[in-house]
All heavy atoms as atom14 arrays in JSON, in Angstrom:
{
  "sequence": "VLVVGLAPAAHGANRTGRMFTGDRSGDVLFAALHRTGWASQPLSTSA",
  "atom14_mask": [
    [1, 1, 1, 1, 1, 1, 1, 0, 0, 0, 0, 0, 0, 0],
    [1, 1, 1, 1, 1, 1, 1, 1, 0, 0, 0, 0, 0, 0],
    [1, 1, 1, 1, 1, 1, 1, 0, 0, 0, 0, 0, 0, 0],
    [1, 1, 1, 1, 1, 1, 1, 0, 0, 0, 0, 0, 0, 0],
    [1, 1, 1, 1, 0, 0, 0, 0, 0, 0, 0, 0, 0, 0],
    [1, 1, 1, 1, 1, 1, 1, 1, 0, 0, 0, 0, 0, 0],
    [1, 1, 1, 1, 1, 0, 0, 0, 0, 0, 0, 0, 0, 0],
    [1, 1, 1, 1, 1, 1, 1, 0, 0, 0, 0, 0, 0, 0],
    [1, 1, 1, 1, 1, 0, 0, 0, 0, 0, 0, 0, 0, 0],
    [1, 1, 1, 1, 1, 0, 0, 0, 0, 0, 0, 0, 0, 0],
    [1, 1, 1, 1, 1, 1, 1, 1, 1, 1, 0, 0, 0, 0],
    [1, 1, 1, 1, 0, 0, 0, 0, 0, 0, 0, 0, 0, 0],
    [1, 1, 1, 1, 1, 0, 0, 0, 0, 0, 0, 0, 0, 0],
    [1, 1, 1, 1, 1, 1, 1, 1, 0, 0, 0, 0, 0, 0],
    [1, 1, 1, 1, 1, 1, 1, 1, 1, 1, 1, 0, 0, 0],
    [1, 1, 1, 1, 1, 1, 1, 0, 0, 0, 0, 0, 0, 0],
    [1, 1, 1, 1, 0, 0, 0, 0, 0, 0, 0, 0, 0, 0],
    [1, 1, 1, 1, 1, 1, 1, 1, 1, 1, 1, 0, 0, 0],
    [1, 1, 1, 1, 1, 1, 1, 1, 0, 0, 0, 0, 0, 0],
    [1, 1, 1, 1, 1, 1, 1, 1, 1, 1, 1, 0, 0, 0],
    [1, 1, 1, 1, 1, 1, 1, 0, 0, 0, 0, 0, 0, 0],
    [1, 1, 1, 1, 0, 0, 0, 0, 0, 0, 0, 0, 0, 0],
    [1, 1, 1, 1, 1, 1, 1, 1, 0, 0, 0, 0, 0, 0],
    [1, 1, 1, 1, 1, 1, 1, 1, 1, 1, 1, 0, 0, 0],
    [1, 1, 1, 1, 1, 1, 0, 0, 0, 0, 0, 0, 0, 0],
    [1, 1, 1, 1, 0, 0, 0, 0, 0, 0, 0, 0, 0, 0],
    [1, 1, 1, 1, 1, 1, 1, 1, 0, 0, 0, 0, 0, 0],
    [1, 1, 1, 1, 1, 1, 1, 0, 0, 0, 0, 0, 0, 0],
    [1, 1, 1, 1, 1, 1, 1, 1, 0, 0, 0, 0, 0, 0],
    [1, 1, 1, 1, 1, 1, 1, 1, 1, 1, 1, 0, 0, 0],
    [1, 1, 1, 1, 1, 0, 0, 0, 0, 0, 0, 0, 0, 0],
    [1, 1, 1, 1, 1, 0, 0, 0, 0, 0, 0, 0, 0, 0],
    [1, 1, 1, 1, 1, 1, 1, 1, 0, 0, 0, 0, 0, 0],
    [1, 1, 1, 1, 1, 1, 1, 1, 1, 1, 0, 0, 0, 0],
    [1, 1, 1, 1, 1, 1, 1, 1, 1, 1, 1, 0, 0, 0],
    [1, 1, 1, 1, 1, 1, 1, 0, 0, 0, 0, 0, 0, 0],
    [1, 1, 1, 1, 0, 0, 0, 0, 0, 0, 0, 0, 0, 0],
    [1, 1, 1, 1, 1, 1, 1, 1, 1, 1, 1, 1, 1, 1],
    [1, 1, 1, 1, 1, 0, 0, 0, 0, 0, 0, 0, 0, 0],
    [1, 1, 1, 1, 1, 1, 0, 0, 0, 0, 0, 0, 0, 0],
    [1, 1, 1, 1, 1, 1, 1, 1, 1, 0, 0, 0, 0, 0],
    [1, 1, 1, 1, 1, 1, 1, 0, 0, 0, 0, 0, 0, 0],
    [1, 1, 1, 1, 1, 1, 1, 1, 0, 0, 0, 0, 0, 0],
    [1, 1, 1, 1, 1, 1, 0, 0, 0, 0, 0, 0, 0, 0],
    [1, 1, 1, 1, 1, 1, 1, 0, 0, 0, 0, 0, 0, 0],
    [1, 1, 1, 1, 1, 1, 0, 0, 0, 0, 0, 0, 0, 0],
    [1, 1, 1, 1, 1, 0, 0, 0, 0, 0, 0, 0, 0, 0]
  ],
  "atom14_positions": [
    [[0.87, -1.18, -0.09], [0.03, 0.01, -0.01], [0.92, 1.26, -0.05], [1.86, 1.36, 0.83], [-0.95, 0.03, 1.18], [-1.75, 1.49, 1.27], [-1.91, -1.16, 1.18], [0.0, 0.0, 0.0], [0.0, 0.0, 0.0], [0.0, 0.0, 0.0], [0.0, 0.0, 0.0], [0.0, 0.0, 0.0], [0.0, 0.0, 0.0], [0.0, 0.0, 0.0]],
    [[0.65, 2.21, -0.86], [1.27, 3.47, -0.9], [0.21, 4.61, -0.62], [-0.66, 4.71, -1.32], [1.94, 3.73, -2.32], [2.7, 5.01, -2.4], [3.93, 5.08, -1.5], [3.09, 5.25, -3.87], [0.0, 0.0, 0.0], [0.0, 0.0, 0.0], [0.0, 0.0, 0.0], [0.0, 0.0, 0.0], [0.0, 0.0, 0.0], [0.0, 0.0, 0.0]],
    [[0.57, 5.32, 0.41], [-0.32, 6.41, 0.82], [0.29, 7.66, 0.14], [1.52, 7.98, 0.36], [-0.36, 6.75, 2.37], [-1.06, 7.87, 2.69], [-0.92, 5.49, 3.04], [0.0, 0.0, 0.0], [0.0, 0.0, 0.0], [0.0, 0.0, 0.0], [0.0, 0.0, 0.0], [0.0, 0.0, 0.0], [0.0, 0.0, 0.0], [0.0, 0.0, 0.0]],
    [[-0.52, 8.39, -0.67], [-0.19, 9.6, -1.31], [-0.77, 10.79, -0.75], [-1.96, 10.83, -0.85], [-0.4, 9.4, -2.83], [0.1, 10.63, -3.56], [0.26, 8.2, -3.44], [0.0, 0.0, 0.0], [0.0, 0.0, 0.0], [0.0, 0.0, 0.0], [0.0, 0.0, 0.0], [0.0, 0.0, 0.0], [0.0, 0.0, 0.0], [0.0, 0.0, 0.0]],
    [[-0.07, 11.7, -0.21], [-0.56, 12.94, 0.39], [-0.56, 14.22, -0.44], [-0.93, 13.96, -1.7], [0.0, 0.0, 0.0], [0.0, 0.0, 0.0], [0.0, 0.0, 0.0], [0.0, 0.0, 0.0], [0.0, 0.0, 0.0], [0.0, 0.0, 0.0], [0.0, 0.0, 0.0], [0.0, 0.0, 0.0], [0.0, 0.0, 0.0], [0.0, 0.0, 0.0]],
    [[-0.02, 15.31, 0.1], [-0.1, 16.51, -0.68], [1.37, 17.05, -0.73], [2.03, 16.91, -1.81], [-0.94, 17.64, -0.09], [-1.31, 18.8, -0.95], [-2.57, 19.47, -0.41], [-0.22, 19.81, -1.03], [0.0, 0.0, 0.0], [0.0, 0.0, 0.0], [0.0, 0.0, 0.0], [0.0, 0.0, 0.0], [0.0, 0.0, 0.0], [0.0, 0.0, 0.0]],
    [[1.83, 17.52, 0.44], [3.16, 18.03, 0.52], [3.49, 18.23, 2.0], [2.62, 18.15, 2.78], [3.27, 19.44, -0.17], [0.0, 0.0, 0.0], [0.0, 0.0, 0.0], [0.0, 0.0, 0.0], [0.0, 0.0, 0.0], [0.0, 0.0, 0.0], [0.0, 0.0, 0.0], [0.0, 0.0, 0.0], [0.0, 0.0, 0.0], [0.0, 0.0, 0.0]],
    [[4.81, 18.29, 2.34], [5.18, 18.39, 3.75], [4.72, 19.73, 4.36], [4.55, 20.71, 3.69], [6.71, 18.45, 3.79], [7.07, 17.89, 2.44], [6.05, 18.15, 1.55], [0.0, 0.0, 0.0], [0.0, 0.0, 0.0], [0.0, 0.0, 0.0], [0.0, 0.0, 0.0], [0.0, 0.0, 0.0], [0.0, 0.0, 0.0], [0.0, 0.0, 0.0]],
    [[4.21, 19.74, 5.59], [3.89, 20.91, 6.33], [5.1, 21.63, 6.74], [6.16, 21.17, 7.1], [2.98, 20.55, 7.53], [0.0, 0.0, 0.0], [0.0, 0.0, 0.0], [0.0, 0.0, 0.0], [0.0, 0.0, 0.0], [0.0, 0.0, 0.0], [0.0, 0.0, 0.0], [0.0, 0.0, 0.0], [0.0, 0.0, 0.0], [0.0, 0.0, 0.0]],
    [[4.92, 22.99, 6.75], [6.13, 23.92, 6.94], [6.76, 23.6, 8.38], [8.03, 23.49, 8.56], [5.75, 25.35, 6.96], [0.0, 0.0, 0.0], [0.0, 0.0, 0.0], [0.0, 0.0, 0.0], [0.0, 0.0, 0.0], [0.0, 0.0, 0.0], [0.0, 0.0, 0.0], [0.0, 0.0, 0.0], [0.0, 0.0, 0.0], [0.0, 0.0, 0.0]],
    [[5.91, 23.43, 9.35], [6.45, 23.11, 10.76], [6.25, 21.74, 11.31], [6.41, 21.39, 12.43], [5.82, 24.09, 11.74], [6.05, 25.48, 11.32], [7.21, 26.25, 11.59], [5.18, 26.46, 10.69], [7.23, 27.47, 11.14], [5.98, 27.65, 10.59], [0.0, 0.0, 0.0], [0.0, 0.0, 0.0], [0.0, 0.0, 0.0], [0.0, 0.0, 0.0]],
    [[5.84, 20.89, 10.29], [5.73, 19.54, 10.48], [6.89, 18.7, 9.9], [7.93, 18.62, 10.53], [0.0, 0.0, 0.0], [0.0, 0.0, 0.0], [0.0, 0.0, 0.0], [0.0, 0.0, 0.0], [0.0, 0.0, 0.0], [0.0, 0.0, 0.0], [0.0, 0.0, 0.0], [0.0, 0.0, 0.0], [0.0, 0.0, 0.0], [0.0, 0.0, 0.0]],
    [[6.58, 18.08, 8.73], [7.67, 17.25, 8.08], [8.86, 18.08, 7.69], [9.99, 17.64, 7.67], [7.06, 16.53, 6.91], [0.0, 0.0, 0.0], [0.0, 0.0, 0.0], [0.0, 0.0, 0.0], [0.0, 0.0, 0.0], [0.0, 0.0, 0.0], [0.0, 0.0, 0.0], [0.0, 0.0, 0.0], [0.0, 0.0, 0.0], [0.0, 0.0, 0.0]],
    [[8.69, 19.4, 7.32], [9.83, 20.37, 7.03], [10.75, 20.52, 8.19], [11.78, 20.88, 8.11], [9.28, 21.55, 6.53], [10.37, 22.51, 6.05], [11.14, 22.08, 5.15], [10.54, 23.74, 6.52], [0.0, 0.0, 0.0], [0.0, 0.0, 0.0], [0.0, 0.0, 0.0], [0.0, 0.0, 0.0], [0.0, 0.0, 0.0], [0.0, 0.0, 0.0]],
    [[10.12, 20.34, 9.47], [10.89, 20.45, 10.72], [11.48, 19.12, 11.1], [12.74, 18.96, 11.46], [10.0, 20.87, 11.75], [10.61, 20.88, 13.23], [9.7, 21.58, 14.23], [8.42, 20.95, 14.35], [8.07, 19.82, 15.22], [9.08, 19.35, 15.98], [6.97, 19.33, 15.18], [0.0, 0.0, 0.0], [0.0, 0.0, 0.0], [0.0, 0.0, 0.0]],
    [[10.82, 17.95, 10.99], [11.23, 16.78, 11.52], [11.96, 15.83, 10.42], [12.63, 15.0, 10.76], [10.06, 15.9, 12.02], [9.06, 15.6, 10.91], [9.19, 16.65, 13.13], [0.0, 0.0, 0.0], [0.0, 0.0, 0.0], [0.0, 0.0, 0.0], [0.0, 0.0, 0.0], [0.0, 0.0, 0.0], [0.0, 0.0, 0.0], [0.0, 0.0, 0.0]],
    [[11.63, 16.04, 9.18], [12.27, 15.26, 8.17], [11.63, 13.96, 7.81], [12.14, 13.12, 7.08], [0.0, 0.0, 0.0], [0.0, 0.0, 0.0], [0.0, 0.0, 0.0], [0.0, 0.0, 0.0], [0.0, 0.0, 0.0], [0.0, 0.0, 0.0], [0.0, 0.0, 0.0], [0.0, 0.0, 0.0], [0.0, 0.0, 0.0], [0.0, 0.0, 0.0]],
    [[10.38, 13.84, 8.29], [9.66, 12.55, 8.11], [8.19, 12.85, 7.65], [7.57, 13.73, 8.3], [9.65, 11.55, 9.26], [9.1, 10.31, 8.92], [9.48, 9.22, 9.92], [8.77, 9.4, 11.16], [9.11, 8.73, 12.25], [10.11, 7.91, 12.31], [8.39, 8.85, 13.43], [0.0, 0.0, 0.0], [0.0, 0.0, 0.0], [0.0, 0.0, 0.0]],
    [[7.66, 12.25, 6.73], [6.28, 12.51, 6.16], [5.32, 12.4, 7.35], [5.41, 11.53, 8.18], [5.86, 11.41, 5.13], [6.63, 11.6, 3.75], [5.86, 13.03, 2.92], [6.91, 13.09, 1.49], [0.0, 0.0, 0.0], [0.0, 0.0, 0.0], [0.0, 0.0, 0.0], [0.0, 0.0, 0.0], [0.0, 0.0, 0.0], [0.0, 0.0, 0.0]],
    [[4.48, 13.35, 7.36], [3.31, 13.4, 8.4], [3.72, 13.43, 9.81], [2.96, 12.9, 10.6], [2.31, 12.3, 8.03], [1.53, 12.54, 6.78], [1.69, 11.69, 5.64], [0.52, 13.41, 6.79], [1.02, 11.94, 4.46], [-0.33, 13.49, 5.58], [0.01, 12.82, 4.5], [0.0, 0.0, 0.0], [0.0, 0.0, 0.0], [0.0, 0.0, 0.0]],
    [[4.9, 13.86, 10.04], [5.4, 13.77, 11.38], [5.67, 15.26, 12.01], [6.19, 16.02, 11.45], [6.75, 12.99, 11.43], [6.45, 11.64, 11.02], [7.36, 12.98, 12.94], [0.0, 0.0, 0.0], [0.0, 0.0, 0.0], [0.0, 0.0, 0.0], [0.0, 0.0, 0.0], [0.0, 0.0, 0.0], [0.0, 0.0, 0.0], [0.0, 0.0, 0.0]],
    [[5.07, 15.43, 13.18], [5.18, 16.64, 13.92], [4.08, 17.65, 13.85], [4.34, 18.78, 14.21], [0.0, 0.0, 0.0], [0.0, 0.0, 0.0], [0.0, 0.0, 0.0], [0.0, 0.0, 0.0], [0.0, 0.0, 0.0], [0.0, 0.0, 0.0], [0.0, 0.0, 0.0], [0.0, 0.0, 0.0], [0.0, 0.0, 0.0], [0.0, 0.0, 0.0]],
    [[3.06, 17.3, 13.22], [1.88, 18.29, 13.13], [0.59, 17.45, 13.48], [0.55, 16.31, 13.52], [1.81, 18.94, 11.83], [1.71, 18.02, 10.62], [1.03, 16.94, 10.7], [2.19, 18.36, 9.49], [0.0, 0.0, 0.0], [0.0, 0.0, 0.0], [0.0, 0.0, 0.0], [0.0, 0.0, 0.0], [0.0, 0.0, 0.0], [0.0, 0.0, 0.0]],
    [[-0.5, 18.26, 13.51], [-1.73, 17.69, 13.99], [-2.3, 16.7, 12.94], [-3.06, 15.78, 13.18], [-2.75, 18.8, 14.31], [-2.4, 19.47, 15.57], [-3.33, 20.54, 16.04], [-2.99, 21.12, 17.31], [-3.74, 22.08, 17.86], [-4.9, 22.46, 17.39], [-3.27, 22.67, 19.01], [0.0, 0.0, 0.0], [0.0, 0.0, 0.0], [0.0, 0.0, 0.0]],
    [[-2.12, 17.04, 11.58], [-2.59, 16.11, 10.51], [-1.92, 14.76, 10.75], [-2.55, 13.78, 10.64], [-2.26, 16.71, 9.24], [-2.91, 17.93, 8.99], [0.0, 0.0, 0.0], [0.0, 0.0, 0.0], [0.0, 0.0, 0.0], [0.0, 0.0, 0.0], [0.0, 0.0, 0.0], [0.0, 0.0, 0.0], [0.0, 0.0, 0.0], [0.0, 0.0, 0.0]],
    [[-0.61, 14.73, 11.01], [0.16, 13.52, 11.04], [-0.27, 12.85, 12.31], [-0.4, 11.52, 12.38], [0.0, 0.0, 0.0], [0.0, 0.0, 0.0], [0.0, 0.0, 0.0], [0.0, 0.0, 0.0], [0.0, 0.0, 0.0], [0.0, 0.0, 0.0], [0.0, 0.0, 0.0], [0.0, 0.0, 0.0], [0.0, 0.0, 0.0], [0.0, 0.0, 0.0]],
    [[-0.65, 13.55, 13.44], [-1.15, 12.96, 14.6], [-2.43, 12.03, 14.34], [-2.61, 10.93, 14.79], [-1.37, 13.99, 15.74], [-0.18, 14.67, 16.2], [0.99, 14.19, 16.01], [-0.37, 15.7, 16.98], [0.0, 0.0, 0.0], [0.0, 0.0, 0.0], [0.0, 0.0, 0.0], [0.0, 0.0, 0.0], [0.0, 0.0, 0.0], [0.0, 0.0, 0.0]],
    [[-3.33, 12.65, 13.61], [-4.58, 11.9, 13.17], [-4.23, 10.75, 12.51], [-4.82, 9.76, 12.68], [-5.49, 12.96, 12.42], [-6.72, 12.21, 11.9], [-5.97, 14.06, 13.44], [0.0, 0.0, 0.0], [0.0, 0.0, 0.0], [0.0, 0.0, 0.0], [0.0, 0.0, 0.0], [0.0, 0.0, 0.0], [0.0, 0.0, 0.0], [0.0, 0.0, 0.0]],
    [[-3.35, 10.95, 11.44], [-3.08, 9.82, 10.49], [-2.37, 8.65, 11.23], [-2.85, 7.52, 11.06], [-2.26, 10.32, 9.27], [-1.8, 9.24, 8.28], [-2.98, 8.61, 7.76], [-0.87, 9.78, 7.2], [0.0, 0.0, 0.0], [0.0, 0.0, 0.0], [0.0, 0.0, 0.0], [0.0, 0.0, 0.0], [0.0, 0.0, 0.0], [0.0, 0.0, 0.0]],
    [[-1.35, 8.99, 11.98], [-0.66, 7.89, 12.61], [-1.52, 7.19, 13.64], [-1.23, 5.93, 13.93], [0.7, 8.43, 13.17], [1.91, 8.42, 12.22], [2.22, 9.61, 11.55], [2.56, 7.26, 11.75], [3.33, 9.75, 10.56], [3.56, 7.28, 10.96], [3.88, 8.5, 10.26], [0.0, 0.0, 0.0], [0.0, 0.0, 0.0], [0.0, 0.0, 0.0]],
    [[-2.29, 7.87, 14.31], [-3.2, 7.19, 15.36], [-4.11, 6.21, 14.67], [-4.29, 5.13, 15.2], [-4.02, 8.28, 16.12], [0.0, 0.0, 0.0], [0.0, 0.0, 0.0], [0.0, 0.0, 0.0], [0.0, 0.0, 0.0], [0.0, 0.0, 0.0], [0.0, 0.0, 0.0], [0.0, 0.0, 0.0], [0.0, 0.0, 0.0], [0.0, 0.0, 0.0]],
    [[-4.6, 6.63, 13.38], [-5.49, 5.69, 12.71], [-4.6, 4.55, 12.17], [-5.11, 3.41, 12.14], [-6.04, 6.47, 11.53], [0.0, 0.0, 0.0], [0.0, 0.0, 0.0], [0.0, 0.0, 0.0], [0.0, 0.0, 0.0], [0.0, 0.0, 0.0], [0.0, 0.0, 0.0], [0.0, 0.0, 0.0], [0.0, 0.0, 0.0], [0.0, 0.0, 0.0]],
    [[-3.4, 4.85, 11.68], [-2.56, 3.75, 11.15], [-2.25, 2.7, 12.31], [-2.19, 1.53, 12.05], [-1.27, 4.24, 10.55], [-1.46, 5.04, 9.31], [-0.01, 5.8, 9.01], [-1.64, 4.17, 8.11], [0.0, 0.0, 0.0], [0.0, 0.0, 0.0], [0.0, 0.0, 0.0], [0.0, 0.0, 0.0], [0.0, 0.0, 0.0], [0.0, 0.0, 0.0]],
    [[-2.11, 3.28, 13.51], [-1.86, 2.32, 14.7], [-3.05, 1.51, 14.93], [-2.96, 0.25, 15.17], [-1.4, 3.12, 15.81], [-1.11, 2.26, 16.97], [0.0, 1.46, 17.1], [-1.72, 2.21, 18.19], [-0.09, 0.85, 18.21], [-1.04, 1.34, 18.97], [0.0, 0.0, 0.0], [0.0, 0.0, 0.0], [0.0, 0.0, 0.0], [0.0, 0.0, 0.0]],
    [[-4.27, 2.24, 14.93], [-5.47, 1.45, 15.29], [-5.74, 0.4, 14.27], [-6.35, -0.7, 14.6], [-6.69, 2.43, 15.27], [-6.8, 3.32, 16.49], [-7.95, 4.08, 16.62], [-8.31, 4.79, 15.4], [-8.08, 6.11, 15.2], [-7.39, 6.85, 16.15], [-8.51, 6.8, 14.06], [0.0, 0.0, 0.0], [0.0, 0.0, 0.0], [0.0, 0.0, 0.0]],
    [[-5.32, 0.52, 13.04], [-5.67, -0.34, 11.95], [-4.57, -1.34, 11.67], [-4.6, -2.09, 10.66], [-6.09, 0.28, 10.75], [-5.22, 1.37, 10.43], [-7.44, 1.01, 10.95], [0.0, 0.0, 0.0], [0.0, 0.0, 0.0], [0.0, 0.0, 0.0], [0.0, 0.0, 0.0], [0.0, 0.0, 0.0], [0.0, 0.0, 0.0], [0.0, 0.0, 0.0]],
    [[-3.49, -1.27, 12.43], [-2.46, -2.3, 12.41], [-1.34, -1.98, 11.4], [-0.46, -2.87, 11.12], [0.0, 0.0, 0.0], [0.0, 0.0, 0.0], [0.0, 0.0, 0.0], [0.0, 0.0, 0.0], [0.0, 0.0, 0.0], [0.0, 0.0, 0.0], [0.0, 0.0, 0.0], [0.0, 0.0, 0.0], [0.0, 0.0, 0.0], [0.0, 0.0, 0.0]],
    [[-1.27, -0.82, 10.92], [-0.2, -0.42, 9.87], [1.05, 0.17, 10.62], [2.25, 0.04, 10.02], [-0.6, 0.53, 8.93], [-1.81, 0.18, 8.0], [-3.09, 0.5, 8.12], [-1.72, -0.8, 6.91], [-3.81, -0.14, 7.09], [-2.98, -0.95, 6.39], [-0.61, -1.42, 6.33], [-3.3, -1.72, 5.3], [-0.92, -2.27, 5.18], [-2.21, -2.39, 4.67]],
    [[0.87, 0.76, 11.79], [2.0, 1.48, 12.41], [2.26, 0.88, 13.72], [1.38, 0.37, 14.47], [1.74, 3.03, 12.58], [0.0, 0.0, 0.0], [0.0, 0.0, 0.0], [0.0, 0.0, 0.0], [0.0, 0.0, 0.0], [0.0, 0.0, 0.0], [0.0, 0.0, 0.0], [0.0, 0.0, 0.0], [0.0, 0.0, 0.0], [0.0, 0.0, 0.0]],
    [[3.57, 0.97, 14.18], [4.01, 0.34, 15.46], [3.56, 1.15, 16.67], [3.58, 0.64, 17.77], [5.55, 0.09, 15.32], [6.15, 1.37, 15.38], [0.0, 0.0, 0.0], [0.0, 0.0, 0.0], [0.0, 0.0, 0.0], [0.0, 0.0, 0.0], [0.0, 0.0, 0.0], [0.0, 0.0, 0.0], [0.0, 0.0, 0.0], [0.0, 0.0, 0.0]],
    [[3.3, 2.43, 16.5], [2.96, 3.27, 17.67], [1.92, 4.34, 17.16], [1.9, 4.69, 16.01], [4.22, 3.9, 18.25], [5.01, 4.66, 17.33], [6.54, 4.86, 17.97], [7.12, 3.87, 18.32], [6.9, 6.05, 17.98], [0.0, 0.0, 0.0], [0.0, 0.0, 0.0], [0.0, 0.0, 0.0], [0.0, 0.0, 0.0], [0.0, 0.0, 0.0]],
    [[1.25, 4.86, 18.14], [0.15, 5.87, 17.77], [0.56, 7.32, 17.48], [-0.25, 8.03, 16.94], [-0.89, 5.74, 18.92], [0.04, 5.42, 20.13], [1.08, 4.55, 19.54], [0.0, 0.0, 0.0], [0.0, 0.0, 0.0], [0.0, 0.0, 0.0], [0.0, 0.0, 0.0], [0.0, 0.0, 0.0], [0.0, 0.0, 0.0], [0.0, 0.0, 0.0]],
    [[1.8, 7.66, 17.89], [2.27, 9.13, 17.82], [3.57, 9.04, 17.07], [4.5, 8.39, 17.53], [2.25, 9.7, 19.03], [2.52, 11.19, 19.13], [1.4, 11.95, 18.44], [2.65, 11.7, 20.63], [0.0, 0.0, 0.0], [0.0, 0.0, 0.0], [0.0, 0.0, 0.0], [0.0, 0.0, 0.0], [0.0, 0.0, 0.0], [0.0, 0.0, 0.0]],
    [[3.75, 9.85, 16.15], [4.93, 10.09, 15.27], [5.44, 11.63, 15.65], [4.92, 12.56, 15.2], [4.64, 9.97, 13.88], [5.91, 10.05, 13.12], [0.0, 0.0, 0.0], [0.0, 0.0, 0.0], [0.0, 0.0, 0.0], [0.0, 0.0, 0.0], [0.0, 0.0, 0.0], [0.0, 0.0, 0.0], [0.0, 0.0, 0.0], [0.0, 0.0, 0.0]],
    [[6.5, 11.63, 16.38], [7.0, 13.01, 16.84], [8.36, 13.44, 16.19], [8.61, 14.61, 16.02], [7.27, 12.92, 18.4], [8.22, 11.92, 18.7], [5.95, 12.73, 19.06], [0.0, 0.0, 0.0], [0.0, 0.0, 0.0], [0.0, 0.0, 0.0], [0.0, 0.0, 0.0], [0.0, 0.0, 0.0], [0.0, 0.0, 0.0], [0.0, 0.0, 0.0]],
    [[9.09, 12.51, 15.74], [10.53, 12.76, 15.27], [11.01, 11.59, 14.33], [10.41, 10.43, 14.55], [11.49, 13.04, 16.24], [11.94, 11.99, 16.93], [0.0, 0.0, 0.0], [0.0, 0.0, 0.0], [0.0, 0.0, 0.0], [0.0, 0.0, 0.0], [0.0, 0.0, 0.0], [0.0, 0.0, 0.0], [0.0, 0.0, 0.0], [0.0, 0.0, 0.0]],
    [[11.88, 11.85, 13.55], [12.44, 10.8, 12.72], [13.21, 9.8, 13.48], [13.35, 8.61, 12.92], [13.43, 11.43, 11.54], [0.0, 0.0, 0.0], [0.0, 0.0, 0.0], [0.0, 0.0, 0.0], [0.0, 0.0, 0.0], [0.0, 0.0, 0.0], [0.0, 0.0, 0.0], [0.0, 0.0, 0.0], [0.0, 0.0, 0.0], [0.0, 0.0, 0.0]]
  ]
}
């Protein structure tokens, strides 16, 4: 499965260096990925 978004957030991925990491949009996505078994943890804060 390949998830295709839009672009890094200025103070999210542009800060952390990882897709959807470090902003509220990413918090929502990674929490859902964890609930559905795709991600190892519910919160992505840094690379």
